[in-house]
PDB file of all heavy atoms in Angstrom:
ATOM      1  N   THR A   1      89.613  81.254 149.191  1.00  0.00           N
ATOM      2  CA  THR A   1      88.710  80.742 148.153  1.00  0.00           C
ATOM      3  C   THR A   1      89.564  79.898 147.225  1.00  0.00           C
ATOM      4  O   THR A   1      90.376  80.428 146.464  1.00  0.00           O
ATOM      5  CB  THR A   1      88.023  81.891 147.396  1.00  0.00           C
ATOM      6  OG1 THR A   1      87.244  82.637 148.338  1.00  0.00           O
ATOM      7  CG2 THR A   1      87.123  81.372 146.292  1.00  0.00           C
ATOM      8  N   ILE A   2      89.371  78.582 147.331  1.00  0.00           N
ATOM      9  CA  ILE A   2      90.169  77.647 146.520  1.00  0.00           C
ATOM     10  C   ILE A   2      89.486  76.298 146.575  1.00  0.00           C
ATOM     11  O   ILE A   2      88.864  75.920 147.560  1.00  0.00           O
ATOM     12  CB  ILE A   2      91.617  77.566 147.067  1.00  0.00           C
ATOM     13  CG1 ILE A   2      92.545  76.858 146.078  1.00  0.00           C
ATOM     14  CG2 ILE A   2      91.641  76.909 148.420  1.00  0.00           C
ATOM     15  CD1 ILE A   2      94.013  76.984 146.430  1.00  0.00           C
ATOM     16  N   SER A   3      89.628  75.545 145.517  1.00  0.00           N
ATOM     17  CA  SER A   3      89.056  74.208 145.448  1.00  0.00           C
ATOM     18  C   SER A   3      89.686  73.261 146.462  1.00  0.00           C
ATOM     19  O   SER A   3      90.887  73.373 146.762  1.00  0.00           O
ATOM     20  CB  SER A   3      89.280  73.645 144.038  1.00  0.00           C
ATOM     21  OG  SER A   3      88.952  72.269 143.997  1.00  0.00           O
ATOM     22  N   SER A   4      88.861  72.364 146.972  1.00  0.00           N
ATOM     23  CA  SER A   4      89.401  71.373 147.912  1.00  0.00           C
ATOM     24  C   SER A   4      90.321  70.363 147.204  1.00  0.00           C
ATOM     25  O   SER A   4      91.004  69.599 147.846  1.00  0.00           O
ATOM     26  CB  SER A   4      88.265  70.619 148.592  1.00  0.00           C
ATOM     27  OG  SER A   4      87.499  69.925 147.630  1.00  0.00           O
ATOM     28  N   ARG A   5      90.354  70.419 145.874  1.00  0.00           N
ATOM     29  CA  ARG A   5      91.265  69.520 145.121  1.00  0.00           C
ATOM     30  C   ARG A   5      92.712  69.954 145.214  1.00  0.00           C
ATOM     31  O   ARG A   5      93.616  69.197 144.894  1.00  0.00           O
ATOM     32  CB  ARG A   5      90.828  69.503 143.658  1.00  0.00           C
ATOM     33  CG  ARG A   5      89.526  68.824 143.417  1.00  0.00           C
ATOM     34  CD  ARG A   5      89.216  68.726 141.921  1.00  0.00           C
ATOM     35  NE  ARG A   5      87.982  68.006 141.727  1.00  0.00           N
ATOM     36  CZ  ARG A   5      86.924  68.523 141.139  1.00  0.00           C
ATOM     37  NH1 ARG A   5      86.950  69.739 140.651  1.00  0.00           N
ATOM     38  NH2 ARG A   5      85.847  67.797 140.992  1.00  0.00           N
ATOM     39  N   LYS A   6      92.915  71.163 145.663  1.00  0.00           N
ATOM     40  CA  LYS A   6      94.299  71.679 145.790  1.00  0.00           C
ATOM     41  C   LYS A   6      94.965  71.047 147.019  1.00  0.00           C
ATOM     42  O   LYS A   6      94.328  70.446 147.868  1.00  0.00           O
ATOM     43  CB  LYS A   6      94.279  73.211 145.942  1.00  0.00           C
ATOM     44  CG  LYS A   6      93.644  73.935 144.766  1.00  0.00           C
ATOM     45  CD  LYS A   6      94.397  73.713 143.482  1.00  0.00           C
ATOM     46  CE  LYS A   6      93.772  74.496 142.346  1.00  0.00           C
ATOM     47  NZ  LYS A   6      94.491  74.323 141.110  1.00  0.00           N
ATOM     48  N   THR A   7      96.260  71.218 147.097  1.00  0.00           N
ATOM     49  CA  THR A   7      97.025  70.600 148.205  1.00  0.00           C
ATOM     50  C   THR A   7      96.696  71.295 149.524  1.00  0.00           C
ATOM     51  O   THR A   7      96.173  72.413 149.584  1.00  0.00           O
ATOM     52  CB  THR A   7      98.532  70.720 147.947  1.00  0.00           C
ATOM     53  OG1 THR A   7      98.919  72.103 148.023  1.00  0.00           O
ATOM     54  CG2 THR A   7      98.942  70.109 146.640  1.00  0.00           C
ATOM     55  N   ARG A   8      97.071  70.633 150.633  1.00  0.00           N
ATOM     56  CA  ARG A   8      96.888  71.213 151.950  1.00  0.00           C
ATOM     57  C   ARG A   8      97.607  72.572 152.051  1.00  0.00           C
ATOM     58  O   ARG A   8      97.092  73.512 152.653  1.00  0.00           O
ATOM     59  CB  ARG A   8      97.425  70.282 153.053  1.00  0.00           C
ATOM     60  CG  ARG A   8      96.488  69.192 153.380  1.00  0.00           C
ATOM     61  CD  ARG A   8      96.995  68.157 154.320  1.00  0.00           C
ATOM     62  NE  ARG A   8      97.800  68.602 155.467  1.00  0.00           N
ATOM     63  CZ  ARG A   8      97.879  67.927 156.605  1.00  0.00           C
ATOM     64  NH1 ARG A   8      97.210  66.818 156.776  1.00  0.00           N
ATOM     65  NH2 ARG A   8      98.660  68.364 157.565  1.00  0.00           N
ATOM     66  N   LYS A   9      98.791  72.649 151.462  1.00  0.00           N
ATOM     67  CA  LYS A   9      99.545  73.894 151.521  1.00  0.00           C
ATOM     68  C   LYS A   9      98.790  74.990 150.751  1.00  0.00           C
ATOM     69  O   LYS A   9      98.672  76.101 151.244  1.00  0.00           O
ATOM     70  CB  LYS A   9     100.946  73.698 150.935  1.00  0.00           C
ATOM     71  CG  LYS A   9     101.796  74.941 151.035  1.00  0.00           C
ATOM     72  CD  LYS A   9     103.206  74.708 150.581  1.00  0.00           C
ATOM     73  CE  LYS A   9     104.011  75.991 150.770  1.00  0.00           C
ATOM     74  NZ  LYS A   9     105.396  75.812 150.445  1.00  0.00           N
ATOM     75  N   GLN A  10      98.310  74.680 149.564  1.00  0.00           N
ATOM     76  CA  GLN A  10      97.591  75.669 148.782  1.00  0.00           C
ATOM     77  C   GLN A  10      96.321  76.111 149.481  1.00  0.00           C
ATOM     78  O   GLN A  10      95.910  77.258 149.371  1.00  0.00           O
ATOM     79  CB  GLN A  10      97.264  75.112 147.388  1.00  0.00           C
ATOM     80  CG  GLN A  10      98.480  74.931 146.507  1.00  0.00           C
ATOM     81  CD  GLN A  10      98.141  74.139 145.251  1.00  0.00           C
ATOM     82  OE1 GLN A  10      97.481  73.115 145.290  1.00  0.00           O
ATOM     83  NE2 GLN A  10      98.559  74.691 144.121  1.00  0.00           N
ATOM     84  N   ARG A  11      95.658  75.194 150.215  1.00  0.00           N
ATOM     85  CA  ARG A  11      94.433  75.522 150.941  1.00  0.00           C
ATOM     86  C   ARG A  11      94.716  76.198 152.275  1.00  0.00           C
ATOM     87  O   ARG A  11      93.823  76.482 153.041  1.00  0.00           O
ATOM     88  CB  ARG A  11      93.597  74.266 151.165  1.00  0.00           C
ATOM     89  CG  ARG A  11      93.017  73.679 149.886  1.00  0.00           C
ATOM     90  CD  ARG A  11      92.025  72.556 150.144  1.00  0.00           C
ATOM     91  NE  ARG A  11      92.281  71.736 151.292  1.00  0.00           N
ATOM     92  CZ  ARG A  11      92.813  70.530 151.284  1.00  0.00           C
ATOM     93  NH1 ARG A  11      93.170  69.974 150.130  1.00  0.00           N
ATOM     94  NH2 ARG A  11      92.979  69.852 152.385  1.00  0.00           N
ATOM     95  N   ARG A  12      95.984  76.473 152.569  1.00  0.00           N
ATOM     96  CA  ARG A  12      96.467  77.118 153.793  1.00  0.00           C
ATOM     97  C   ARG A  12      96.289  76.271 155.038  1.00  0.00           C
ATOM     98  O   ARG A  12      96.415  76.754 156.145  1.00  0.00           O
ATOM     99  CB  ARG A  12      95.808  78.485 153.972  1.00  0.00           C
ATOM    100  CG  ARG A  12      96.135  79.455 152.850  1.00  0.00           C
ATOM    101  CD  ARG A  12      95.524  80.813 153.038  1.00  0.00           C
ATOM    102  NE  ARG A  12      96.129  81.512 154.185  1.00  0.00           N
ATOM    103  CZ  ARG A  12      95.627  82.648 154.638  1.00  0.00           C
ATOM    104  NH1 ARG A  12      94.594  83.225 154.081  1.00  0.00           N
ATOM    105  NH2 ARG A  12      96.209  83.229 155.680  1.00  0.00           N
ATOM    106  N   ILE A  13      96.046  74.956 154.871  1.00  0.00           N
ATOM    107  CA  ILE A  13      95.934  74.071 156.018  1.00  0.00           C
ATOM    108  C   ILE A  13      97.262  73.973 156.739  1.00  0.00           C
ATOM    109  O   ILE A  13      97.331  74.005 157.963  1.00  0.00           O
ATOM    110  CB  ILE A  13      95.444  72.657 155.579  1.00  0.00           C
ATOM    111  CG1 ILE A  13      94.039  72.739 154.990  1.00  0.00           C
ATOM    112  CG2 ILE A  13      95.526  71.683 156.730  1.00  0.00           C
ATOM    113  CD1 ILE A  13      92.934  73.028 155.975  1.00  0.00           C
ATOM    114  N   GLU A  14      98.349  73.864 155.991  1.00  0.00           N
ATOM    115  CA  GLU A  14      99.678  73.781 156.597  1.00  0.00           C
ATOM    116  C   GLU A  14      99.981  75.041 157.411  1.00  0.00           C
ATOM    117  O   GLU A  14     100.514  74.957 158.517  1.00  0.00           O
ATOM    118  CB  GLU A  14     100.774  73.572 155.540  1.00  0.00           C
ATOM    119  CG  GLU A  14     100.659  72.273 154.775  1.00  0.00           C
ATOM    120  CD  GLU A  14     100.777  71.027 155.648  1.00  0.00           C
ATOM    121  OE1 GLU A  14     101.535  71.089 156.676  1.00  0.00           O
ATOM    122  OE2 GLU A  14     100.157  70.034 155.345  1.00  0.00           O
ATOM    123  N   GLU A  15      99.583  76.188 156.894  1.00  0.00           N
ATOM    124  CA  GLU A  15      99.787  77.463 157.604  1.00  0.00           C
ATOM    125  C   GLU A  15      98.998  77.448 158.922  1.00  0.00           C
ATOM    126  O   GLU A  15      99.511  77.852 159.979  1.00  0.00           O
ATOM    127  CB  GLU A  15      99.294  78.604 156.721  1.00  0.00           C
ATOM    128  CG  GLU A  15      99.363  79.958 157.346  1.00  0.00           C
ATOM    129  CD  GLU A  15      98.756  81.044 156.446  1.00  0.00           C
ATOM    130  OE1 GLU A  15      98.686  80.840 155.220  1.00  0.00           O
ATOM    131  OE2 GLU A  15      98.352  82.076 156.985  1.00  0.00           O
ATOM    132  N   VAL A  16      97.759  76.975 158.880  1.00  0.00           N
ATOM    133  CA  VAL A  16      96.933  76.903 160.088  1.00  0.00           C
ATOM    134  C   VAL A  16      97.573  75.955 161.116  1.00  0.00           C
ATOM    135  O   VAL A  16      97.634  76.265 162.286  1.00  0.00           O
ATOM    136  CB  VAL A  16      95.488  76.467 159.734  1.00  0.00           C
ATOM    137  CG1 VAL A  16      94.691  76.140 160.980  1.00  0.00           C
ATOM    138  CG2 VAL A  16      94.808  77.535 158.911  1.00  0.00           C
ATOM    139  N   LEU A  17      98.041  74.800 160.656  1.00  0.00           N
ATOM    140  CA  LEU A  17      98.684  73.853 161.553  1.00  0.00           C
ATOM    141  C   LEU A  17      99.884  74.464 162.236  1.00  0.00           C
ATOM    142  O   LEU A  17     100.133  74.211 163.421  1.00  0.00           O
ATOM    143  CB  LEU A  17      99.099  72.579 160.773  1.00  0.00           C
ATOM    144  CG  LEU A  17      97.945  71.698 160.287  1.00  0.00           C
ATOM    145  CD1 LEU A  17      98.477  70.576 159.430  1.00  0.00           C
ATOM    146  CD2 LEU A  17      97.116  71.192 161.442  1.00  0.00           C
ATOM    147  N   GLU A  18     100.634  75.289 161.531  1.00  0.00           N
ATOM    148  CA  GLU A  18     101.809  75.960 162.116  1.00  0.00           C
ATOM    149  C   GLU A  18     101.393  76.990 163.167  1.00  0.00           C
ATOM    150  O   GLU A  18     102.133  77.255 164.114  1.00  0.00           O
ATOM    151  CB  GLU A  18     102.673  76.584 161.024  1.00  0.00           C
ATOM    152  CG  GLU A  18     103.379  75.567 160.171  1.00  0.00           C
ATOM    153  CD  GLU A  18     104.141  76.193 159.012  1.00  0.00           C
ATOM    154  OE1 GLU A  18     104.240  77.448 158.942  1.00  0.00           O
ATOM    155  OE2 GLU A  18     104.605  75.455 158.156  1.00  0.00           O
ATOM    156  N   MET A  19     100.232  77.605 162.959  1.00  0.00           N
ATOM    157  CA  MET A  19      99.741  78.634 163.882  1.00  0.00           C
ATOM    158  C   MET A  19      99.249  78.023 165.187  1.00  0.00           C
ATOM    159  O   MET A  19      99.285  78.691 166.225  1.00  0.00           O
ATOM    160  CB  MET A  19      98.606  79.413 163.249  1.00  0.00           C
ATOM    161  CG  MET A  19      98.986  80.197 162.009  1.00  0.00           C
ATOM    162  SD  MET A  19      97.564  80.782 161.070  1.00  0.00           S
ATOM    163  CE  MET A  19      96.904  82.003 162.187  1.00  0.00           C
ATOM    164  N   LEU A  20      98.752  76.787 165.127  1.00  0.00           N
ATOM    165  CA  LEU A  20      98.123  76.159 166.279  1.00  0.00           C
ATOM    166  C   LEU A  20      99.150  75.489 167.206  1.00  0.00           C
ATOM    167  O   LEU A  20     100.069  74.836 166.739  1.00  0.00           O
ATOM    168  CB  LEU A  20      97.101  75.119 165.817  1.00  0.00           C
ATOM    169  CG  LEU A  20      95.867  75.680 165.123  1.00  0.00           C
ATOM    170  CD1 LEU A  20      95.152  74.567 164.363  1.00  0.00           C
ATOM    171  CD2 LEU A  20      94.930  76.347 166.123  1.00  0.00           C
ATOM    172  N   ALA A  21      98.930  75.663 168.505  1.00  0.00           N
ATOM    173  CA  ALA A  21      99.784  75.042 169.515  1.00  0.00           C
ATOM    174  C   ALA A  21      98.920  74.232 170.454  1.00  0.00           C
ATOM    175  O   ALA A  21      97.693  74.278 170.385  1.00  0.00           O
ATOM    176  CB  ALA A  21     100.563  76.125 170.261  1.00  0.00           C
ATOM    177  N   ASP A  22      99.571  73.539 171.369  1.00  0.00           N
ATOM    178  CA  ASP A  22      98.890  72.740 172.374  1.00  0.00           C
ATOM    179  C   ASP A  22      97.786  73.571 173.074  1.00  0.00           C
ATOM    180  O   ASP A  22      98.039  74.725 173.448  1.00  0.00           O
ATOM    181  CB  ASP A  22      99.933  72.256 173.396  1.00  0.00           C
ATOM    182  CG  ASP A  22      99.360  71.311 174.418  1.00  0.00           C
ATOM    183  OD1 ASP A  22      98.749  70.316 174.014  1.00  0.00           O
ATOM    184  OD2 ASP A  22      99.500  71.604 175.602  1.00  0.00           O
ATOM    185  N   SER A  23      96.617  72.996 173.192  1.00  0.00           N
ATOM    186  CA  SER A  23      95.447  73.600 173.867  1.00  0.00           C
ATOM    187  C   SER A  23      94.751  74.691 173.061  1.00  0.00           C
ATOM    188  O   SER A  23      93.848  75.334 173.573  1.00  0.00           O
ATOM    189  CB  SER A  23      95.815  74.138 175.245  1.00  0.00           C
ATOM    190  OG  SER A  23      96.267  73.073 176.051  1.00  0.00           O
ATOM    191  N   ASP A  24      95.171  74.916 171.835  1.00  0.00           N
ATOM    192  CA  ASP A  24      94.467  75.882 170.982  1.00  0.00           C
ATOM    193  C   ASP A  24      93.197  75.250 170.422  1.00  0.00           C
ATOM    194  O   ASP A  24      92.966  74.040 170.574  1.00  0.00           O
ATOM    195  CB  ASP A  24      95.341  76.327 169.797  1.00  0.00           C
ATOM    196  CG  ASP A  24      96.442  77.292 170.225  1.00  0.00           C
ATOM    197  OD1 ASP A  24      96.410  77.777 171.364  1.00  0.00           O
ATOM    198  OD2 ASP A  24      97.325  77.569 169.385  1.00  0.00           O
ATOM    199  N   THR A  25      92.394  76.075 169.775  1.00  0.00           N
ATOM    200  CA  THR A  25      91.109  75.622 169.208  1.00  0.00           C
ATOM    201  C   THR A  25      91.036  76.021 167.738  1.00  0.00           C
ATOM    202  O   THR A  25      91.368  77.142 167.375  1.00  0.00           O
ATOM    203  CB  THR A  25      89.925  76.231 169.977  1.00  0.00           C
ATOM    204  OG1 THR A  25      90.005  75.839 171.351  1.00  0.00           O
ATOM    205  CG2 THR A  25      88.603  75.773 169.395  1.00  0.00           C
ATOM    206  N   LEU A  26      90.565  75.087 166.917  1.00  0.00           N
ATOM    207  CA  LEU A  26      90.290  75.352 165.505  1.00  0.00           C
ATOM    208  C   LEU A  26      88.788  75.206 165.297  1.00  0.00           C
ATOM    209  O   LEU A  26      88.199  74.206 165.700  1.00  0.00           O
ATOM    210  CB  LEU A  26      91.049  74.354 164.631  1.00  0.00           C
ATOM    211  CG  LEU A  26      90.733  74.433 163.125  1.00  0.00           C
ATOM    212  CD1 LEU A  26      91.174  75.790 162.540  1.00  0.00           C
ATOM    213  CD2 LEU A  26      91.389  73.285 162.394  1.00  0.00           C
ATOM    214  N   ILE A  27      88.183  76.203 164.652  1.00  0.00           N
ATOM    215  CA  ILE A  27      86.759  76.166 164.391  1.00  0.00           C
ATOM    216  C   ILE A  27      86.520  76.219 162.879  1.00  0.00           C
ATOM    217  O   ILE A  27      87.136  77.023 162.178  1.00  0.00           O
ATOM    218  CB  ILE A  27      86.023  77.374 165.033  1.00  0.00           C
ATOM    219  CG1 ILE A  27      86.203  77.359 166.537  1.00  0.00           C
ATOM    220  CG2 ILE A  27      84.551  77.366 164.676  1.00  0.00           C
ATOM    221  CD1 ILE A  27      85.565  78.548 167.253  1.00  0.00           C
ATOM    222  N   VAL A  28      85.643  75.349 162.404  1.00  0.00           N
ATOM    223  CA  VAL A  28      85.163  75.366 161.004  1.00  0.00           C
ATOM    224  C   VAL A  28      83.656  75.191 161.025  1.00  0.00           C
ATOM    225  O   VAL A  28      83.094  74.650 161.970  1.00  0.00           O
ATOM    226  CB  VAL A  28      85.829  74.270 160.165  1.00  0.00           C
ATOM    227  CG1 VAL A  28      87.314  74.506 160.009  1.00  0.00           C
ATOM    228  CG2 VAL A  28      85.576  72.892 160.715  1.00  0.00           C
ATOM    229  N   THR A  29      83.009  75.650 159.952  1.00  0.00           N
ATOM    230  CA  THR A  29      81.561  75.550 159.909  1.00  0.00           C
ATOM    231  C   THR A  29      81.119  74.138 159.546  1.00  0.00           C
ATOM    232  O   THR A  29      80.009  73.725 159.903  1.00  0.00           O
ATOM    233  CB  THR A  29      80.950  76.531 158.912  1.00  0.00           C
ATOM    234  OG1 THR A  29      81.546  76.327 157.614  1.00  0.00           O
ATOM    235  CG2 THR A  29      81.179  77.954 159.369  1.00  0.00           C
ATOM    236  N   GLU A  30      81.944  73.403 158.813  1.00  0.00           N
ATOM    237  CA  GLU A  30      81.625  71.988 158.482  1.00  0.00           C
ATOM    238  C   GLU A  30      82.878  71.269 158.107  1.00  0.00           C
ATOM    239  O   GLU A  30      83.886  71.862 157.689  1.00  0.00           O
ATOM    240  CB  GLU A  30      80.582  71.951 157.346  1.00  0.00           C
ATOM    241  CG  GLU A  30      80.968  72.688 156.112  1.00  0.00           C
ATOM    242  CD  GLU A  30      79.852  72.723 155.073  1.00  0.00           C
ATOM    243  OE1 GLU A  30      78.911  73.480 155.253  1.00  0.00           O
ATOM    244  OE2 GLU A  30      79.994  71.977 154.065  1.00  0.00           O
TER     245      GLU A  30
END
């Protein structure tokens, strides 16, 4: 739970990118 105005790191996007590897899947509702 955080504003989209925050950085990718603060929004945990960087963490997700590190978790994902070739052929993985990322799902979001929108």
